[in-house]
Every structure is written in structure tokens, then in C-alpha cells.
Amino acid sequence: MTTNGPPPQWTNPEYVATVIGVLATGALVFYSSLTQSGPTVDEIIFVVLAITIPVTIAYELTRRFG
């Protein structure tokens, strides 16, 4: 029999970072659906930074103030 842990909360840094990562990924997928060309190296670097920077900021803010 498995036990369920407490539900995720907005004060949990991992939970907040995951939510922000999913939202950033969704925004970039939406943006890429509007463009006509394939990804270049610059665009791939932009995508990686556009996802990791908000996730890191959200994690640190939640860890410090949550």
C-alpha cells in the first residue's frame, strides 16, 4: 500500500521551478509554432537560456522567501 505525501505547495522550490519550467517550455513551443524556419544554433541557445534562467530565478526566490 502506497502512502501519498502532502500535496505540492507554492513554498516548495522544486514545485515552483517545475511549474515555471513547464510554462517557459509552453511559451517557447507556442512561439516556435508561429515561426517558419528551423532552429539555428543561436535559437537553440536562446531556448536553453529562456527555460533555465526563469527556472533558476523561481527556485532561488522560493527557497529564500518561501
PDB file of N, CA and C in Angstrom:
ATOM      1  N   MET A   1       0.842  -1.171   0.000  1.00  0.00           N
ATOM      2  CA  MET A   1       0.000   0.000   0.000  1.00  0.00           C
ATOM      3  C   MET A   1       0.890   1.237   0.000  1.00  0.00           C
ATOM      4  N   THR A   2       0.616   2.139  -0.912  1.00  0.00           N
ATOM      5  CA  THR A   2       1.427   3.349  -1.003  1.00  0.00           C
ATOM      6  C   THR A   2       0.783   4.467  -0.199  1.00  0.00           C
ATOM      7  N   THR A   3       1.623   5.305   0.320  1.00  0.00           N
ATOM      8  CA  THR A   3       1.123   6.472   1.044  1.00  0.00           C
ATOM      9  C   THR A   3       1.381   7.702   0.196  1.00  0.00           C
ATOM     10  N   ASN A   4       0.419   8.550   0.153  1.00  0.00           N
ATOM     11  CA  ASN A   4       0.563   9.802  -0.580  1.00  0.00           C
ATOM     12  C   ASN A   4       1.167  10.848   0.333  1.00  0.00           C
ATOM     13  N   GLY A   5       2.151  11.570  -0.211  1.00  0.00           N
ATOM     14  CA  GLY A   5       2.749  12.654   0.548  1.00  0.00           C
ATOM     15  C   GLY A   5       1.838  13.861   0.530  1.00  0.00           C
ATOM     16  N   PRO A   6       2.270  14.905   1.185  1.00  0.00           N
ATOM     17  CA  PRO A   6       1.456  16.125   1.173  1.00  0.00           C
ATOM     18  C   PRO A   6       1.385  16.689  -0.244  1.00  0.00           C
ATOM     19  N   PRO A   7       0.303  17.369  -0.561  1.00  0.00           N
ATOM     20  CA  PRO A   7       0.188  17.941  -1.909  1.00  0.00           C
ATOM     21  C   PRO A   7       1.252  19.017  -2.124  1.00  0.00           C
ATOM     22  N   PRO A   8       1.665  19.220  -3.381  1.00  0.00           N
ATOM     23  CA  PRO A   8       2.678  20.250  -3.641  1.00  0.00           C
ATOM     24  C   PRO A   8       2.172  21.632  -3.239  1.00  0.00           C
ATOM     25  N   GLN A   9       3.091  22.438  -2.747  1.00  0.00           N
ATOM     26  CA  GLN A   9       2.738  23.782  -2.310  1.00  0.00           C
ATOM     27  C   GLN A   9       3.619  24.796  -3.024  1.00  0.00           C
ATOM     28  N   TRP A  10       3.146  26.028  -3.087  1.00  0.00           N
ATOM     29  CA  TRP A  10       3.891  27.089  -3.745  1.00  0.00           C
ATOM     30  C   TRP A  10       5.125  27.499  -2.954  1.00  0.00           C
ATOM     31  N   THR A  11       5.305  26.977  -1.754  1.00  0.00           N
ATOM     32  CA  THR A  11       6.505  27.280  -0.989  1.00  0.00           C
ATOM     33  C   THR A  11       7.589  26.235  -1.204  1.00  0.00           C
ATOM     34  N   ASN A  12       7.319  25.202  -1.982  1.00  0.00           N
ATOM     35  CA  ASN A  12       8.302  24.169  -2.288  1.00  0.00           C
ATOM     36  C   ASN A  12       9.098  24.609  -3.520  1.00  0.00           C
ATOM     37  N   PRO A  13      10.414  24.844  -3.377  1.00  0.00           N
ATOM     38  CA  PRO A  13      11.206  25.361  -4.503  1.00  0.00           C
ATOM     39  C   PRO A  13      11.194  24.450  -5.727  1.00  0.00           C
ATOM     40  N   GLU A  14      11.247  23.134  -5.520  1.00  0.00           N
ATOM     41  CA  GLU A  14      11.238  22.218  -6.660  1.00  0.00           C
ATOM     42  C   GLU A  14       9.918  22.303  -7.424  1.00  0.00           C
ATOM     43  N   TYR A  15       8.817  22.439  -6.707  1.00  0.00           N
ATOM     44  CA  TYR A  15       7.498  22.537  -7.340  1.00  0.00           C
ATOM     45  C   TYR A  15       7.392  23.816  -8.167  1.00  0.00           C
ATOM     46  N   VAL A  16       7.826  24.929  -7.586  1.00  0.00           N
ATOM     47  CA  VAL A  16       7.753  26.213  -8.292  1.00  0.00           C
ATOM     48  C   VAL A  16       8.658  26.190  -9.525  1.00  0.00           C
ATOM     49  N   ALA A  17       9.864  25.645  -9.383  1.00  0.00           N
ATOM     50  CA  ALA A  17      10.777  25.573 -10.523  1.00  0.00           C
ATOM     51  C   ALA A  17      10.195  24.705 -11.636  1.00  0.00           C
ATOM     52  N   THR A  18       9.528  23.617 -11.272  1.00  0.00           N
ATOM     53  CA  THR A  18       8.906  22.752 -12.273  1.00  0.00           C
ATOM     54  C   THR A  18       7.782  23.474 -13.001  1.00  0.00           C
ATOM     55  N   VAL A  19       6.940  24.175 -12.254  1.00  0.00           N
ATOM     56  CA  VAL A  19       5.828  24.909 -12.874  1.00  0.00           C
ATOM     57  C   VAL A  19       6.357  25.982 -13.822  1.00  0.00           C
ATOM     58  N   ILE A  20       7.358  26.729 -13.397  1.00  0.00           N
ATOM     59  CA  ILE A  20       7.933  27.776 -14.242  1.00  0.00           C
ATOM     60  C   ILE A  20       8.590  27.165 -15.478  1.00  0.00           C
ATOM     61  N   GLY A  21       9.259  26.033 -15.309  1.00  0.00           N
ATOM     62  CA  GLY A  21       9.874  25.358 -16.453  1.00  0.00           C
ATOM     63  C   GLY A  21       8.850  24.903 -17.474  1.00  0.00           C
ATOM     64  N   VAL A  22       7.736  24.367 -16.999  1.00  0.00           N
ATOM     65  CA  VAL A  22       6.673  23.926 -17.909  1.00  0.00           C
ATOM     66  C   VAL A  22       6.063  25.121 -18.631  1.00  0.00           C
ATOM     67  N   LEU A  23       5.832  26.214 -17.908  1.00  0.00           N
ATOM     68  CA  LEU A  23       5.273  27.412 -18.543  1.00  0.00           C
ATOM     69  C   LEU A  23       6.242  28.011 -19.569  1.00  0.00           C
ATOM     70  N   ALA A  24       7.530  28.054 -19.234  1.00  0.00           N
ATOM     71  CA  ALA A  24       8.519  28.590 -20.175  1.00  0.00           C
ATOM     72  C   ALA A  24       8.618  27.712 -21.415  1.00  0.00           C
ATOM     73  N   THR A  25       8.579  26.404 -21.228  1.00  0.00           N
ATOM     74  CA  THR A  25       8.620  25.493 -22.367  1.00  0.00           C
ATOM     75  C   THR A  25       7.389  25.669 -23.246  1.00  0.00           C
ATOM     76  N   GLY A  26       6.228  25.788 -22.624  1.00  0.00           N
ATOM     77  CA  GLY A  26       4.999  26.005 -23.386  1.00  0.00           C
ATOM     78  C   GLY A  26       5.033  27.298 -24.176  1.00  0.00           C
ATOM     79  N   ALA A  27       5.570  28.358 -23.567  1.00  0.00           N
ATOM     80  CA  ALA A  27       5.662  29.639 -24.268  1.00  0.00           C
ATOM     81  C   ALA A  27       6.596  29.538 -25.469  1.00  0.00           C
ATOM     82  N   LEU A  28       7.700  28.820 -25.310  1.00  0.00           N
ATOM     83  CA  LEU A  28       8.625  28.677 -26.430  1.00  0.00           C
ATOM     84  C   LEU A  28       8.065  27.780 -27.526  1.00  0.00           C
ATOM     85  N   VAL A  29       7.319  26.761 -27.161  1.00  0.00           N
ATOM     86  CA  VAL A  29       6.671  25.919 -28.171  1.00  0.00           C
ATOM     87  C   VAL A  29       5.644  26.739 -28.944  1.00  0.00           C
ATOM     88  N   PHE A  30       4.891  27.566 -28.239  1.00  0.00           N
ATOM     89  CA  PHE A  30       3.925  28.440 -28.906  1.00  0.00           C
ATOM     90  C   PHE A  30       4.631  29.397 -29.857  1.00  0.00           C
ATOM     91  N   TYR A  31       5.722  29.982 -29.393  1.00  0.00           N
ATOM     92  CA  TYR A  31       6.483  30.900 -30.247  1.00  0.00           C
ATOM     93  C   TYR A  31       7.025  30.182 -31.479  1.00  0.00           C
ATOM     94  N   SER A  32       7.564  28.978 -31.286  1.00  0.00           N
ATOM     95  CA  SER A  32       8.135  28.252 -32.423  1.00  0.00           C
ATOM     96  C   SER A  32       7.066  27.834 -33.423  1.00  0.00           C
ATOM     97  N   SER A  33       5.832  27.678 -32.972  1.00  0.00           N
ATOM     98  CA  SER A  33       4.767  27.331 -33.914  1.00  0.00           C
ATOM     99  C   SER A  33       4.412  28.517 -34.813  1.00  0.00           C
ATOM    100  N   LEU A  34       4.779  29.724 -34.398  1.00  0.00           N
ATOM    101  CA  LEU A  34       4.498  30.913 -35.196  1.00  0.00           C
ATOM    102  C   LEU A  34       5.586  31.213 -36.222  1.00  0.00           C
ATOM    103  N   THR A  35       6.785  30.648 -36.036  1.00  0.00           N
ATOM    104  CA  THR A  35       7.889  30.929 -36.958  1.00  0.00           C
ATOM    105  C   THR A  35       7.884  29.936 -38.111  1.00  0.00           C
ATOM    106  N   GLN A  36       8.527  30.303 -39.205  1.00  0.00           N
ATOM    107  CA  GLN A  36       8.515  29.477 -40.411  1.00  0.00           C
ATOM    108  C   GLN A  36       9.790  28.664 -40.613  1.00  0.00           C
ATOM    109  N   SER A  37      10.908  29.064 -40.019  1.00  0.00           N
ATOM    110  CA  SER A  37      12.180  28.393 -40.287  1.00  0.00           C
ATOM    111  C   SER A  37      12.556  27.442 -39.157  1.00  0.00           C
ATOM    112  N   GLY A  38      13.516  26.574 -39.437  1.00  0.00           N
ATOM    113  CA  GLY A  38      14.013  25.635 -38.432  1.00  0.00           C
ATOM    114  C   GLY A  38      14.943  26.324 -37.453  1.00  0.00           C
ATOM    115  N   PRO A  39      15.274  25.649 -36.368  1.00  0.00           N
ATOM    116  CA  PRO A  39      16.121  26.282 -35.346  1.00  0.00           C
ATOM    117  C   PRO A  39      17.584  26.389 -35.790  1.00  0.00           C
ATOM    118  N   THR A  40      18.190  27.523 -35.471  1.00  0.00           N
ATOM    119  CA  THR A  40      19.619  27.723 -35.685  1.00  0.00           C
ATOM    120  C   THR A  40      20.319  27.540 -34.343  1.00  0.00           C
ATOM    121  N   VAL A  41      21.647  27.600 -34.349  1.00  0.00           N
ATOM    122  CA  VAL A  41      22.405  27.452 -33.105  1.00  0.00           C
ATOM    123  C   VAL A  41      22.039  28.563 -32.129  1.00  0.00           C
ATOM    124  N   ASP A  42      21.909  29.773 -32.628  1.00  0.00           N
ATOM    125  CA  ASP A  42      21.538  30.898 -31.763  1.00  0.00           C
ATOM    126  C   ASP A  42      20.160  30.686 -31.141  1.00  0.00           C
ATOM    127  N   GLU A  43      19.240  30.156 -31.919  1.00  0.00           N
ATOM    128  CA  GLU A  43      17.895  29.911 -31.393  1.00  0.00           C
ATOM    129  C   GLU A  43      17.893  28.803 -30.349  1.00  0.00           C
ATOM    130  N   ILE A  44      18.718  27.780 -30.534  1.00  0.00           N
ATOM    131  CA  ILE A  44      18.799  26.703 -29.549  1.00  0.00           C
ATOM    132  C   ILE A  44      19.371  27.231 -28.239  1.00  0.00           C
ATOM    133  N   ILE A  45      20.411  28.062 -28.320  1.00  0.00           N
ATOM    134  CA  ILE A  45      20.977  28.664 -27.106  1.00  0.00           C
ATOM    135  C   ILE A  45      19.943  29.548 -26.428  1.00  0.00           C
ATOM    136  N   PHE A  46      19.187  30.306 -27.214  1.00  0.00           N
ATOM    137  CA  PHE A  46      18.130  31.149 -26.657  1.00  0.00           C
ATOM    138  C   PHE A  46      17.092  30.307 -25.922  1.00  0.00           C
ATOM    139  N   VAL A  47      16.710  29.189 -26.507  1.00  0.00           N
ATOM    140  CA  VAL A  47      15.709  28.316 -25.882  1.00  0.00           C
ATOM    141  C   VAL A  47      16.224  27.768 -24.557  1.00  0.00           C
ATOM    142  N   VAL A  48      17.455  27.307 -24.544  1.00  0.00           N
ATOM    143  CA  VAL A  48      18.023  26.760 -23.305  1.00  0.00           C
ATOM    144  C   VAL A  48      18.072  27.834 -22.223  1.00  0.00           C
ATOM    145  N   LEU A  49      18.520  29.023 -22.567  1.00  0.00           N
ATOM    146  CA  LEU A  49      18.582  30.104 -21.581  1.00  0.00           C
ATOM    147  C   LEU A  49      17.197  30.585 -21.171  1.00  0.00           C
ATOM    148  N   ALA A  50      16.267  30.614 -22.118  1.00  0.00           N
ATOM    149  CA  ALA A  50      14.915  31.093 -21.811  1.00  0.00           C
ATOM    150  C   ALA A  50      14.177  30.150 -20.875  1.00  0.00           C
ATOM    151  N   ILE A  51      14.603  28.910 -20.796  1.00  0.00           N
ATOM    152  CA  ILE A  51      13.972  27.969 -19.864  1.00  0.00           C
ATOM    153  C   ILE A  51      14.734  27.913 -18.548  1.00  0.00           C
ATOM    154  N   THR A  52      16.062  27.835 -18.597  1.00  0.00           N
ATOM    155  CA  THR A  52      16.821  27.639 -17.362  1.00  0.00           C
ATOM    156  C   THR A  52      16.903  28.888 -16.491  1.00  0.00           C
ATOM    157  N   ILE A  53      16.958  30.066 -17.085  1.00  0.00           N
ATOM    158  CA  ILE A  53      17.058  31.281 -16.268  1.00  0.00           C
ATOM    159  C   ILE A  53      15.798  31.514 -15.435  1.00  0.00           C
ATOM    160  N   PRO A  54      14.576  31.469 -16.012  1.00  0.00           N
ATOM    161  CA  PRO A  54      13.386  31.644 -15.159  1.00  0.00           C
ATOM    162  C   PRO A  54      13.235  30.546 -14.108  1.00  0.00           C
ATOM    163  N   VAL A  55      13.620  29.316 -14.464  1.00  0.00           N
ATOM    164  CA  VAL A  55      13.522  28.215 -13.501  1.00  0.00           C
ATOM    165  C   VAL A  55      14.465  28.461 -12.332  1.00  0.00           C
ATOM    166  N   THR A  56      15.683  28.866 -12.617  1.00  0.00           N
ATOM    167  CA  THR A  56      16.654  29.127 -11.553  1.00  0.00           C
ATOM    168  C   THR A  56      16.215  30.291 -10.676  1.00  0.00           C
ATOM    169  N   ILE A  57      15.728  31.357 -11.285  1.00  0.00           N
ATOM    170  CA  ILE A  57      15.262  32.512 -10.507  1.00  0.00           C
ATOM    171  C   ILE A  57      14.078  32.128  -9.630  1.00  0.00           C
ATOM    172  N   ALA A  58      13.122  31.393 -10.188  1.00  0.00           N
ATOM    173  CA  ALA A  58      11.954  30.974  -9.403  1.00  0.00           C
ATOM    174  C   ALA A  58      12.368  30.069  -8.253  1.00  0.00           C
ATOM    175  N   TYR A  59      13.295  29.165  -8.497  1.00  0.00           N
ATOM    176  CA  TYR A  59      13.768  28.259  -7.445  1.00  0.00           C
ATOM    177  C   TYR A  59      14.420  29.045  -6.313  1.00  0.00           C
ATOM    178  N   GLU A  60      15.306  29.960  -6.665  1.00  0.00           N
ATOM    179  CA  GLU A  60      16.014  30.722  -5.634  1.00  0.00           C
ATOM    180  C   GLU A  60      15.082  31.647  -4.861  1.00  0.00           C
ATOM    181  N   LEU A  61      14.155  32.302  -5.543  1.00  0.00           N
ATOM    182  CA  LEU A  61      13.209  33.175  -4.833  1.00  0.00           C
ATOM    183  C   LEU A  61      12.330  32.380  -3.879  1.00  0.00           C
ATOM    184  N   THR A  62      11.869  31.227  -4.325  1.00  0.00           N
ATOM    185  CA  THR A  62      11.024  30.403  -3.461  1.00  0.00           C
ATOM    186  C   THR A  62      11.816  29.847  -2.292  1.00  0.00           C
ATOM    187  N   ARG A  63      13.053  29.455  -2.552  1.00  0.00           N
ATOM    188  CA  ARG A  63      13.879  28.902  -1.478  1.00  0.00           C
ATOM    189  C   ARG A  63      14.172  29.961  -0.412  1.00  0.00           C
ATOM    190  N   ARG A  64      14.404  31.183  -0.837  1.00  0.00           N
ATOM    191  CA  ARG A  64      14.756  32.238   0.117  1.00  0.00           C
ATOM    192  C   ARG A  64      13.550  32.848   0.821  1.00  0.00           C
ATOM    193  N   PHE A  65      12.452  33.030   0.087  1.00  0.00           N
ATOM    194  CA  PHE A  65      11.303  33.724   0.661  1.00  0.00           C
ATOM    195  C   PHE A  65      10.128  32.815   0.958  1.00  0.00           C
ATOM    196  N   GLY A  66      10.169  31.572   0.503  1.00  0.00           N
ATOM    197  CA  GLY A  66       9.034  30.657   0.674  1.00  0.00           C
ATOM    198  C   GLY A  66       9.067  29.997   1.945  1.00  0.00           C
TER     199      GLY A  66
END
